[in-house]
Structure formats: C-alpha cells, structure tokens
Amino acid sequence: MARSSDSDARSPARGGRSRGVADGRRLTSYPSLQTDLENASATWVDEAVVSEDGLVTSRRPDDLDAFNQALLRAFTDGPAGG
C-alpha cells in the first residue's frame, strides 16, 4: 500500500486542510483550476500574469513571456514592488 506524504494529507484536493498560501490572494491559473483556488479562499482572475506579495502566477504556456517579465520585476523590486 502506498503511503501518502504529509503534503498530500494537508492538500485541500485530498480532503486535508489548506496551508493558507492562497488564502485571500488574487491568483491566475489554467481555468480548470479556478474552482480549486476559490475553494482555497483565493480570488481567481483570468489574466496572463498576476503578481501579488512576492507570488507570481500565470495562466498558460502562451503567457510565458509576460510571466518571465513579472519574475524579473519581482526579483529586481522585491516583494513590495510586485
């Protein structure tokens, strides 16, 4: 029998408790993850890139250039600049 890791046990998708990483944050992702993020108390938006409090998220591979630019800004400016 396979043993689940501690992170699997805490995963909301596995019925565990959320660690709060998404809680109250504005995020983007593939549209198929919208419900999961909203269930984790995130505000999901359909935008190429969202940068908030040092966390940079993007929607899909087509948004890679915008994601890379946002990462460079986050590294240059630090979390407060995002």
C-alpha atoms as a PDB file:
ATOM      1  CA  MET A   1       0.000   0.000   0.000  1.00  0.00           C
ATOM      2  CA  ALA A   2       1.381   3.384  -0.993  1.00  0.00           C
ATOM      3  CA  ARG A   3       1.842   5.844   1.822  1.00  0.00           C
ATOM      4  CA  SER A   4       0.767   9.440   1.235  1.00  0.00           C
ATOM      5  CA  SER A   5       3.150  12.216   2.141  1.00  0.00           C
ATOM      6  CA  ASP A   6       2.420  14.866   4.748  1.00  0.00           C
ATOM      7  CA  SER A   7       1.883  17.423   1.983  1.00  0.00           C
ATOM      8  CA  ASP A   8      -0.742  15.163   0.364  1.00  0.00           C
ATOM      9  CA  ALA A   9      -2.546  14.854   3.679  1.00  0.00           C
ATOM     10  CA  ARG A  10      -2.753  18.646   4.008  1.00  0.00           C
ATOM     11  CA  SER A  11      -3.845  19.196   0.425  1.00  0.00           C
ATOM     12  CA  PRO A  12      -7.424  20.521   0.059  1.00  0.00           C
ATOM     13  CA  ALA A  13      -7.743  18.355  -3.059  1.00  0.00           C
ATOM     14  CA  ARG A  14      -7.115  15.307  -0.859  1.00  0.00           C
ATOM     15  CA  GLY A  15      -9.610  16.403   1.796  1.00  0.00           C
ATOM     16  CA  GLY A  16      -6.979  17.853   4.110  1.00  0.00           C
ATOM     17  CA  ARG A  17      -6.661  21.366   5.485  1.00  0.00           C
ATOM     18  CA  SER A  18      -5.355  24.219   3.386  1.00  0.00           C
ATOM     19  CA  ARG A  19      -1.999  25.633   4.403  1.00  0.00           C
ATOM     20  CA  GLY A  20      -3.301  29.114   3.633  1.00  0.00           C
ATOM     21  CA  VAL A  21      -0.927  30.004   0.780  1.00  0.00           C
ATOM     22  CA  ALA A  22      -3.813  31.065  -1.469  1.00  0.00           C
ATOM     23  CA  ASP A  23      -5.972  32.469   1.309  1.00  0.00           C
ATOM     24  CA  GLY A  24      -7.075  35.981   0.354  1.00  0.00           C
ATOM     25  CA  ARG A  25      -4.684  36.244  -2.581  1.00  0.00           C
ATOM     26  CA  ARG A  26      -5.503  37.251  -6.133  1.00  0.00           C
ATOM     27  CA  LEU A  27      -4.218  34.476  -8.459  1.00  0.00           C
ATOM     28  CA  THR A  28      -4.450  33.243 -12.021  1.00  0.00           C
ATOM     29  CA  SER A  29      -4.104  29.748 -13.470  1.00  0.00           C
ATOM     30  CA  TYR A  30      -5.480  27.419 -16.078  1.00  0.00           C
ATOM     31  CA  PRO A  31      -9.252  27.915 -15.983  1.00  0.00           C
ATOM     32  CA  SER A  32      -9.681  24.292 -14.876  1.00  0.00           C
ATOM     33  CA  LEU A  33      -8.109  25.228 -11.503  1.00  0.00           C
ATOM     34  CA  GLN A  34     -10.450  28.161 -10.832  1.00  0.00           C
ATOM     35  CA  THR A  35     -12.781  26.253  -8.513  1.00  0.00           C
ATOM     36  CA  ASP A  36      -9.896  24.711  -6.549  1.00  0.00           C
ATOM     37  CA  LEU A  37      -8.284  28.103  -5.991  1.00  0.00           C
ATOM     38  CA  GLU A  38     -11.581  29.698  -4.998  1.00  0.00           C
ATOM     39  CA  ASN A  39     -12.167  26.809  -2.574  1.00  0.00           C
ATOM     40  CA  ALA A  40      -8.754  27.642  -1.085  1.00  0.00           C
ATOM     41  CA  SER A  41     -10.040  31.214  -0.492  1.00  0.00           C
ATOM     42  CA  ALA A  42      -8.178  32.802  -3.407  1.00  0.00           C
ATOM     43  CA  THR A  43      -9.642  35.347  -5.784  1.00  0.00           C
ATOM     44  CA  TRP A  44      -9.176  33.812  -9.239  1.00  0.00           C
ATOM     45  CA  VAL A  45      -8.823  36.127 -12.254  1.00  0.00           C
ATOM     46  CA  ASP A  46      -8.481  35.393 -15.970  1.00  0.00           C
ATOM     47  CA  GLU A  47      -5.301  37.408 -16.646  1.00  0.00           C
ATOM     48  CA  ALA A  48      -1.985  36.474 -18.243  1.00  0.00           C
ATOM     49  CA  VAL A  49       0.011  37.176 -15.064  1.00  0.00           C
ATOM     50  CA  VAL A  50      -0.786  38.193 -11.502  1.00  0.00           C
ATOM     51  CA  SER A  51       1.966  39.341  -9.158  1.00  0.00           C
ATOM     52  CA  GLU A  52       0.993  39.912  -5.543  1.00  0.00           C
ATOM     53  CA  ASP A  53       3.051  39.943  -2.354  1.00  0.00           C
ATOM     54  CA  GLY A  54       6.016  38.159  -3.931  1.00  0.00           C
ATOM     55  CA  LEU A  55       3.969  35.405  -5.583  1.00  0.00           C
ATOM     56  CA  VAL A  56       3.822  35.424  -9.394  1.00  0.00           C
ATOM     57  CA  THR A  57       1.224  33.232 -11.120  1.00  0.00           C
ATOM     58  CA  SER A  58       0.342  32.805 -14.779  1.00  0.00           C
ATOM     59  CA  ARG A  59      -2.380  31.181 -16.834  1.00  0.00           C
ATOM     60  CA  ARG A  60      -0.824  29.039 -19.535  1.00  0.00           C
ATOM     61  CA  PRO A  61       2.369  28.460 -21.543  1.00  0.00           C
ATOM     62  CA  ASP A  62       1.363  31.143 -24.047  1.00  0.00           C
ATOM     63  CA  ASP A  63       1.817  33.671 -21.214  1.00  0.00           C
ATOM     64  CA  LEU A  64       5.450  32.679 -20.589  1.00  0.00           C
ATOM     65  CA  ASP A  65       6.968  35.955 -21.839  1.00  0.00           C
ATOM     66  CA  ALA A  66       4.736  38.014 -19.541  1.00  0.00           C
ATOM     67  CA  PHE A  67       5.448  35.607 -16.660  1.00  0.00           C
ATOM     68  CA  ASN A  68       9.212  35.931 -17.187  1.00  0.00           C
ATOM     69  CA  GLN A  69       8.970  39.727 -17.191  1.00  0.00           C
ATOM     70  CA  ALA A  70       6.946  39.650 -13.961  1.00  0.00           C
ATOM     71  CA  LEU A  71       9.532  37.364 -12.344  1.00  0.00           C
ATOM     72  CA  LEU A  72      12.338  39.714 -13.339  1.00  0.00           C
ATOM     73  CA  ARG A  73      10.424  42.643 -11.822  1.00  0.00           C
ATOM     74  CA  ALA A  74       9.778  40.653  -8.633  1.00  0.00           C
ATOM     75  CA  PHE A  75      13.472  39.740  -8.314  1.00  0.00           C
ATOM     76  CA  THR A  76      14.562  43.318  -9.035  1.00  0.00           C
ATOM     77  CA  ASP A  77      11.966  45.142  -6.951  1.00  0.00           C
ATOM     78  CA  GLY A  78      11.413  42.547  -4.231  1.00  0.00           C
ATOM     79  CA  PRO A  79       8.006  41.507  -2.869  1.00  0.00           C
ATOM     80  CA  ALA A  80       6.919  45.076  -2.144  1.00  0.00           C
ATOM     81  CA  GLY A  81       7.366  46.014  -5.806  1.00  0.00           C
ATOM     82  CA  GLY A  82       5.076  43.269  -7.100  1.00  0.00           C
END
